[in-house]
């Protein structure tokens, strides 16, 4: 179940139909349903070509599963630069 303030993000072109929603049950208490922008295969290919030409640097900090609570606390306090990844 989606908690208060939660967001349901739908990201996919080939999805089954979205069932009817009951406003009070599904969207009340600041819940959101949103979609993401769909991109074409050509968009992806162009992005990868561009990425090969410019110096993209990613910042990833990994955490073991037993450190997940620490990772979430650090994320909450904006103490992770880049992406935090929990290793399962």
Protein backbone atom coordinates (compact mmCIF):
# COMPACT_ATOMS: atom_id res chain seq x y z
CA UNK A 1 0.00 0.00 0.00
CA UNK A 2 1.16 3.51 -0.76
CA UNK A 3 1.77 5.45 2.46
CA UNK A 4 0.72 9.06 3.05
CA UNK A 5 2.82 11.39 0.92
CA UNK A 6 3.89 8.50 -1.32
CA UNK A 7 4.31 8.69 -5.08
CA UNK A 8 3.40 5.95 -7.55
CA UNK A 9 5.53 6.47 -10.67
CA UNK A 10 4.49 4.65 -13.83
CA UNK A 11 7.38 4.20 -16.23
CA UNK A 12 6.69 2.02 -19.19
CA UNK A 13 5.09 2.04 -22.58
CA UNK A 14 3.76 -1.52 -22.62
CA UNK A 15 1.75 -1.46 -19.41
CA UNK A 16 -1.56 -3.05 -18.71
CA UNK A 17 -4.47 -0.62 -18.42
CA UNK A 18 -4.54 1.42 -15.23
CA UNK A 19 -7.49 0.32 -13.08
CA UNK A 20 -10.04 2.81 -11.79
CA UNK A 21 -8.96 4.72 -8.71
CA UNK A 22 -11.04 5.56 -5.68
CA UNK A 23 -9.96 9.11 -4.86
CA UNK A 24 -10.28 8.84 -1.07
CA UNK A 25 -8.69 5.40 -0.81
CA UNK A 26 -5.89 5.80 -3.35
CA UNK A 27 -5.05 9.53 -3.62
CA UNK A 28 -6.21 11.21 -0.42
CA UNK A 29 -3.50 12.23 2.12
CA UNK A 30 -1.12 13.78 -0.42
CA UNK A 31 -0.52 10.65 -2.49
CA UNK A 32 0.46 11.15 -6.12
CA UNK A 33 0.32 9.22 -9.36
CA UNK A 34 2.69 10.44 -12.04
CA UNK A 35 4.25 9.22 -15.23
CA UNK A 36 7.67 9.77 -16.70
CA UNK A 37 8.60 11.04 -20.13
CA UNK A 38 8.86 8.27 -22.68
CA UNK A 39 11.91 8.33 -24.91
CA UNK A 40 12.53 6.55 -28.17
CA UNK A 41 15.29 4.06 -28.95
CA UNK A 42 16.91 6.76 -31.10
CA UNK A 43 16.88 9.14 -28.10
CA UNK A 44 18.77 6.52 -26.11
CA UNK A 45 21.30 5.93 -28.87
CA UNK A 46 21.94 9.66 -29.24
CA UNK A 47 22.39 10.02 -25.49
CA UNK A 48 24.95 7.21 -25.41
CA UNK A 49 26.84 8.75 -28.34
CA UNK A 50 26.93 12.09 -26.55
CA UNK A 51 28.01 10.44 -23.30
CA UNK A 52 30.99 8.89 -25.10
CA UNK A 53 32.10 12.36 -26.27
CA UNK A 54 31.91 14.28 -23.00
CA UNK A 55 33.50 13.53 -19.64
CA UNK A 56 30.62 12.15 -17.58
CA UNK A 57 31.65 11.29 -14.04
CA UNK A 58 29.30 9.41 -11.79
CA UNK A 59 29.46 9.41 -8.01
CA UNK A 60 28.19 6.24 -6.35
CA UNK A 61 28.49 5.21 -2.73
CA UNK A 62 27.66 1.57 -1.99
CA UNK A 63 26.30 0.12 1.23
CA UNK A 64 25.97 -3.48 2.37
CA UNK A 65 22.42 -4.54 3.15
CA UNK A 66 23.10 -4.51 6.89
CA UNK A 67 24.00 -0.79 6.57
CA UNK A 68 20.73 0.13 4.83
CA UNK A 69 19.40 2.08 7.82
CA UNK A 70 22.60 4.12 7.92
CA UNK A 71 22.36 4.75 4.18
CA UNK A 72 18.77 5.97 4.50
CA UNK A 73 19.67 8.26 7.41
CA UNK A 74 22.56 9.74 5.43
CA UNK A 75 20.31 10.20 2.41
CA UNK A 76 17.71 11.94 4.58
CA UNK A 77 20.35 14.39 5.82
CA UNK A 78 21.78 15.00 2.33
CA UNK A 79 25.10 13.39 3.27
CA UNK A 80 25.49 11.25 0.14
CA UNK A 81 27.07 12.79 -2.94
CA UNK A 82 25.64 11.22 -6.09
CA UNK A 83 23.76 7.94 -5.77
CA UNK A 84 23.56 5.66 -2.77
CA UNK A 85 23.30 1.99 -3.76
CA UNK A 86 22.41 -0.82 -1.36
CA UNK A 87 24.11 -4.08 -2.33
CA UNK A 88 21.85 -7.11 -2.02
